[in-house]
Amino acid sequence: MIPVLTVAGSDSSGGAGIQADLKTFAALGTYGMSCICALTAQNTKGVTMVVNTPVDMVKAQLEAVFDDIPPRAVKTGMLSSAPIVETVADFLSSHGKVPLVVDPVMVATSGAVLLEEEAIQSYKEKLIPLSTLITPNIPEAEVLSGLSIQNEEDMKKAALALMDLGPSAVLVKGGHSVEDARDILYDGREFHVFSGRRISTENTHGTGCTLSSAIAASMARGLSLTEAVGEAKKYMEGAIRRAAVDSVGHGHGPVHHFWFYGENWGHME
């Protein structure tokens, strides 16, 4: 089995966060492990309460995992406070180099703010410099880069600006764009454009968590960064397409993580 670790917050409705990550890992043939950094009370309609995990417990979870089952890739999601970001960054920096995908979660699909203001600087100074890839959506890229993003050229400028923070690569996701659902990857040498079909649906809960987890799982399985992003993009498109017709909840429903099971197993066309 191929172990992959998610370091993120829990979503009680199962559509985002730790639960979405573990579903994605399983769907893509890897063994999921978790370090829970926050408990959230939420559903498809919104977030009603957030409780951060004590930093000692965050560190203890990381130590337990790495002591017994060192992951082949790590992804981080909701790390809502500066002390948690710093604890995670300090631990990862002292435990070897494994692919690290950082999803700088700031706002939930429902609009709830999930990142304390003080944590943004900790992301910039401590965690992002360790990352193999960061995966901000357009609003997150604007906050981190200080730039306004209106089109594909602006996405590229933001990616270059974010490289100054020290990651090995940047993927600016275009789901919030008024154009098509294209994502821009800058790998430190060149840009790669991943186009997609915009699917008319409100069932997009957990898309960011799911995409970053799919990239981490694919890299753990040995794919290159560009290949991993391409495979994750295909997986994500199928998950959204299926969720558009097969949903749960009364708000922004989750994507369908196991959309290609059954007779479609192994085929993501």
Protein backbone atom coordinates (compact mmCIF):
# COMPACT_ATOMS: atom_id res chain seq x y z
CA MET A 1 0.00 0.00 0.00
CA ILE A 2 1.12 3.53 -0.75
CA PRO A 3 0.71 5.79 2.33
CA VAL A 4 -0.35 9.42 1.91
CA LEU A 5 -0.97 11.90 4.73
CA THR A 6 -3.49 14.71 4.96
CA VAL A 7 -2.94 17.48 7.52
CA ALA A 8 -6.17 19.43 7.62
CA GLY A 9 -9.50 20.07 9.34
CA SER A 10 -12.43 17.70 9.75
CA ASP A 11 -15.74 18.28 7.94
CA SER A 12 -18.65 16.70 9.84
CA SER A 13 -20.71 16.44 6.63
CA GLY A 14 -17.98 14.46 4.88
CA GLY A 15 -17.69 16.59 1.76
CA ALA A 16 -14.49 18.52 2.38
CA GLY A 17 -11.43 18.51 4.62
CA ILE A 18 -10.02 15.31 6.09
CA GLN A 19 -13.00 13.25 4.95
CA ALA A 20 -12.75 14.39 1.33
CA ASP A 21 -9.01 13.80 1.38
CA LEU A 22 -9.31 10.24 2.68
CA LYS A 23 -12.01 9.43 0.12
CA THR A 24 -9.81 10.77 -2.65
CA PHE A 25 -6.78 8.81 -1.46
CA ALA A 26 -8.85 5.62 -1.40
CA ALA A 27 -10.43 6.26 -4.80
CA LEU A 28 -6.97 6.68 -6.33
CA GLY A 29 -5.53 3.53 -4.83
CA THR A 30 -3.50 4.90 -1.94
CA TYR A 31 -3.59 4.41 1.85
CA GLY A 32 -4.84 7.53 3.59
CA MET A 33 -3.68 8.79 6.99
CA SER A 34 -4.64 11.97 8.81
CA CYS A 35 -3.53 14.66 11.22
CA ILE A 36 -6.67 16.52 12.27
CA CYS A 37 -5.90 20.18 12.94
CA ALA A 38 -9.45 21.43 13.54
CA LEU A 39 -12.96 20.19 14.17
CA THR A 40 -15.71 21.91 12.23
CA ALA A 41 -19.45 21.62 12.59
CA GLN A 42 -20.64 22.08 9.03
CA ASN A 43 -22.86 20.77 6.29
CA THR A 44 -23.62 21.71 2.71
CA LYS A 45 -25.28 24.93 3.92
CA GLY A 46 -22.44 26.34 5.99
CA VAL A 47 -20.04 26.19 8.92
CA THR A 48 -21.51 26.74 12.39
CA MET A 49 -18.54 26.11 14.69
CA VAL A 50 -14.76 25.61 14.52
CA VAL A 51 -12.48 24.31 17.28
CA ASN A 52 -8.74 24.17 16.66
CA THR A 53 -6.75 21.14 17.78
CA PRO A 54 -4.17 21.91 20.51
CA VAL A 55 -0.74 22.22 18.93
CA ASP A 56 0.67 19.47 21.16
CA MET A 57 -1.92 17.09 19.73
CA VAL A 58 -1.13 18.21 16.18
CA LYS A 59 2.53 17.40 16.75
CA ALA A 60 1.69 14.10 18.48
CA GLN A 61 -0.37 12.95 15.50
CA LEU A 62 2.44 13.79 13.10
CA GLU A 63 4.99 11.99 15.27
CA ALA A 64 2.80 8.88 15.50
CA VAL A 65 2.36 8.69 11.73
CA PHE A 66 5.99 9.33 10.76
CA ASP A 67 7.31 6.98 13.45
CA ASP A 68 5.45 4.01 12.01
CA ILE A 69 4.21 4.69 8.46
CA PRO A 70 6.23 7.46 6.77
CA PRO A 71 4.06 8.92 4.00
CA ARG A 72 5.20 9.06 0.39
CA ALA A 73 3.39 12.39 0.00
CA VAL A 74 1.74 14.93 2.28
CA LYS A 75 -0.98 17.46 1.64
CA THR A 76 -2.07 20.26 3.94
CA GLY A 77 -5.51 21.81 3.96
CA MET A 78 -7.22 23.86 6.64
CA LEU A 79 -4.58 25.08 9.11
CA SER A 80 -6.49 27.94 10.62
CA SER A 81 -4.08 29.47 13.16
CA ALA A 82 -0.48 30.67 13.05
CA PRO A 83 0.67 28.29 15.83
CA ILE A 84 -0.76 25.31 13.93
CA VAL A 85 0.85 26.38 10.65
CA GLU A 86 4.18 26.84 12.40
CA THR A 87 3.93 23.51 14.24
CA VAL A 88 3.23 21.64 11.02
CA ALA A 89 5.97 23.48 9.12
CA ASP A 90 8.58 22.92 11.83
CA PHE A 91 7.78 19.21 11.98
CA LEU A 92 7.82 18.64 8.22
CA SER A 93 11.04 20.59 7.76
CA SER A 94 12.81 18.25 10.17
CA HIS A 95 11.50 14.97 8.76
CA GLY A 96 13.02 14.57 5.32
CA LYS A 97 11.88 15.63 1.89
CA VAL A 98 8.63 14.13 0.65
CA PRO A 99 6.31 15.71 -1.93
CA LEU A 100 4.26 18.35 -0.12
CA VAL A 101 1.11 19.83 -1.64
CA VAL A 102 -0.10 22.93 0.20
CA ASP A 103 -3.73 23.93 -0.33
CA PRO A 104 -3.94 27.33 1.42
CA VAL A 105 -7.56 26.99 2.53
CA MET A 106 -8.95 30.39 3.49
CA VAL A 107 -12.70 30.34 2.82
CA ALA A 108 -15.19 27.47 2.61
CA THR A 109 -17.43 27.02 -0.44
CA SER A 110 -20.28 28.38 1.71
CA GLY A 111 -18.32 31.58 2.35
CA ALA A 112 -17.19 30.88 5.92
CA VAL A 113 -13.71 32.22 6.75
CA LEU A 114 -11.43 29.36 7.80
CA LEU A 115 -8.06 31.09 8.19
CA GLU A 116 -7.08 33.58 10.87
CA GLU A 117 -5.40 36.74 9.55
CA GLU A 118 -2.21 36.07 11.52
CA ALA A 119 -1.82 32.67 9.88
CA ILE A 120 -1.36 34.15 6.40
CA GLN A 121 2.11 35.41 7.25
CA SER A 122 3.01 32.06 8.80
CA TYR A 123 1.98 30.37 5.55
CA LYS A 124 4.23 32.71 3.58
CA GLU A 125 7.25 32.45 5.85
CA LYS A 126 7.14 28.88 7.16
CA LEU A 127 5.02 26.44 5.15
CA ILE A 128 4.96 27.57 1.52
CA PRO A 129 8.79 27.55 1.22
CA LEU A 130 8.71 23.82 2.04
CA SER A 131 6.13 22.94 -0.59
CA THR A 132 6.51 21.00 -3.79
CA LEU A 133 3.32 22.66 -4.98
CA ILE A 134 0.83 25.21 -3.71
CA THR A 135 -2.72 25.15 -5.10
CA PRO A 136 -4.47 28.47 -4.45
CA ASN A 137 -7.74 29.34 -6.12
CA ILE A 138 -8.05 32.85 -7.55
CA PRO A 139 -9.17 34.61 -4.32
CA GLU A 140 -6.42 32.84 -2.35
CA ALA A 141 -3.82 33.70 -4.99
CA GLU A 142 -4.89 37.34 -4.82
CA VAL A 143 -4.45 37.43 -1.03
CA LEU A 144 -1.07 35.69 -1.10
CA SER A 145 0.35 37.62 -4.07
CA GLY A 146 -1.29 41.00 -3.51
CA LEU A 147 -2.34 41.07 -7.18
CA SER A 148 -5.75 41.38 -8.81
CA ILE A 149 -6.59 38.47 -11.11
CA GLN A 150 -9.04 39.04 -13.96
CA ASN A 151 -7.79 36.76 -16.73
CA GLU A 152 -5.28 34.08 -17.70
CA GLU A 153 -2.41 36.55 -18.00
CA ASP A 154 -3.08 37.75 -14.46
CA MET A 155 -3.06 34.13 -13.26
CA LYS A 156 0.41 33.71 -14.74
CA LYS A 157 1.64 36.92 -13.11
CA ALA A 158 0.30 35.76 -9.76
CA ALA A 159 1.99 32.37 -10.16
CA LEU A 160 5.33 34.06 -10.78
CA ALA A 161 4.82 36.34 -7.77
CA LEU A 162 3.97 33.35 -5.57
CA MET A 163 7.17 31.61 -6.65
CA ASP A 164 9.02 34.35 -4.76
CA LEU A 165 7.63 32.81 -1.55
CA GLY A 166 9.76 29.72 -2.16
CA PRO A 167 7.58 26.83 -3.43
CA SER A 168 8.90 24.54 -6.14
CA ALA A 169 5.76 25.07 -8.23
CA VAL A 170 2.44 26.93 -8.23
CA LEU A 171 -0.96 25.87 -9.54
CA VAL A 172 -3.43 28.76 -9.78
CA LYS A 173 -6.90 27.25 -10.08
CA GLY A 174 -9.36 28.95 -12.40
CA GLY A 175 -12.64 27.69 -11.00
CA HIS A 176 -13.57 31.22 -9.90
CA SER A 177 -12.72 32.67 -13.31
CA VAL A 178 -15.35 34.17 -15.61
CA GLU A 179 -13.62 32.30 -18.44
CA ASP A 180 -13.41 28.52 -18.68
CA ALA A 181 -12.32 26.32 -15.79
CA ARG A 182 -8.64 26.31 -16.72
CA ASP A 183 -5.80 25.95 -14.22
CA ILE A 184 -2.31 27.39 -14.70
CA LEU A 185 0.72 25.44 -13.47
CA TYR A 186 4.13 27.06 -13.27
CA ASP A 187 6.78 24.43 -12.55
CA GLY A 188 9.71 26.82 -12.14
CA ARG A 189 10.62 26.67 -15.82
CA GLU A 190 7.47 26.95 -17.90
CA PHE A 191 3.71 27.32 -17.77
CA HIS A 192 1.31 24.45 -18.34
CA VAL A 193 -2.36 25.20 -19.05
CA PHE A 194 -4.95 22.61 -18.04
CA SER A 195 -8.27 23.41 -19.65
CA GLY A 196 -11.54 21.98 -18.43
CA ARG A 197 -15.24 22.02 -19.10
CA ARG A 198 -17.23 24.28 -16.81
CA ILE A 199 -20.05 22.20 -15.35
CA SER A 200 -23.27 23.94 -14.32
CA THR A 201 -23.81 22.86 -10.71
CA GLU A 202 -23.74 24.19 -7.16
CA ASN A 203 -22.37 20.86 -5.92
CA THR A 204 -18.75 21.95 -5.57
CA HIS A 205 -18.22 21.48 -1.83
CA GLY A 206 -14.69 20.18 -1.25
CA THR A 207 -13.32 20.75 -4.75
CA GLY A 208 -10.08 22.35 -3.55
CA CYS A 209 -9.46 19.67 -0.94
CA THR A 210 -10.18 16.93 -3.44
CA LEU A 211 -7.94 18.30 -6.20
CA SER A 212 -4.93 18.83 -3.93
CA SER A 213 -5.39 15.34 -2.46
CA ALA A 214 -5.60 13.81 -5.92
CA ILE A 215 -2.33 15.51 -6.87
CA ALA A 216 -0.63 14.26 -3.70
CA ALA A 217 -1.90 10.71 -4.24
CA SER A 218 -0.74 10.71 -7.85
CA MET A 219 2.72 11.96 -6.89
CA ALA A 220 2.94 9.29 -4.19
CA ARG A 221 2.23 6.72 -6.90
CA GLY A 222 5.26 7.99 -8.84
CA LEU A 223 3.79 10.40 -11.37
CA SER A 224 5.67 13.58 -12.23
CA LEU A 225 4.21 16.88 -11.06
CA THR A 226 2.75 17.72 -14.47
CA GLU A 227 1.32 14.23 -14.89
CA ALA A 228 -0.15 14.31 -11.38
CA VAL A 229 -1.91 17.63 -12.03
CA GLY A 230 -3.30 16.31 -15.32
CA GLU A 231 -4.62 13.11 -13.72
CA ALA A 232 -6.08 15.05 -10.79
CA LYS A 233 -7.81 17.44 -13.18
CA LYS A 234 -9.49 14.53 -15.00
CA TYR A 235 -10.52 12.93 -11.72
CA MET A 236 -11.92 16.23 -10.45
CA GLU A 237 -13.93 16.90 -13.59
CA GLY A 238 -15.55 13.48 -13.35
CA ALA A 239 -16.33 13.97 -9.67
CA ILE A 240 -18.06 17.30 -10.33
CA ARG A 241 -19.91 16.01 -13.39
CA ARG A 242 -21.33 13.08 -11.41
CA ALA A 243 -22.23 15.31 -8.45
CA ALA A 244 -24.27 17.53 -10.75
CA VAL A 245 -26.79 14.70 -11.18
CA ASP A 246 -26.24 12.67 -8.01
CA SER A 247 -26.14 14.95 -4.98
CA VAL A 248 -26.77 15.08 -1.24
CA GLY A 249 -27.71 17.93 1.08
CA HIS A 250 -29.65 21.15 0.59
CA GLY A 251 -26.82 23.60 -0.16
CA HIS A 252 -23.52 23.28 -1.96
CA GLY A 253 -23.35 19.50 -2.21
CA PRO A 254 -20.08 17.55 -2.26
CA VAL A 255 -18.39 16.18 -5.33
CA HIS A 256 -18.69 12.44 -5.98
CA HIS A 257 -15.33 10.96 -4.98
CA PHE A 258 -16.09 7.43 -6.17
CA TRP A 259 -17.71 8.36 -9.47
CA PHE A 260 -15.80 5.79 -11.53
CA TYR A 261 -16.46 2.74 -9.37
CA GLY A 262 -18.39 -0.29 -10.61
CA GLU A 263 -18.31 -0.97 -14.33
CA ASN A 264 -16.29 2.21 -14.88
CA TRP A 265 -13.51 1.25 -12.44
CA GLY A 266 -10.13 2.20 -13.84
CA HIS A 267 -11.53 4.33 -16.67
CA MET A 268 -11.62 8.09 -16.24
CA GLU A 269 -12.54 9.15 -19.77
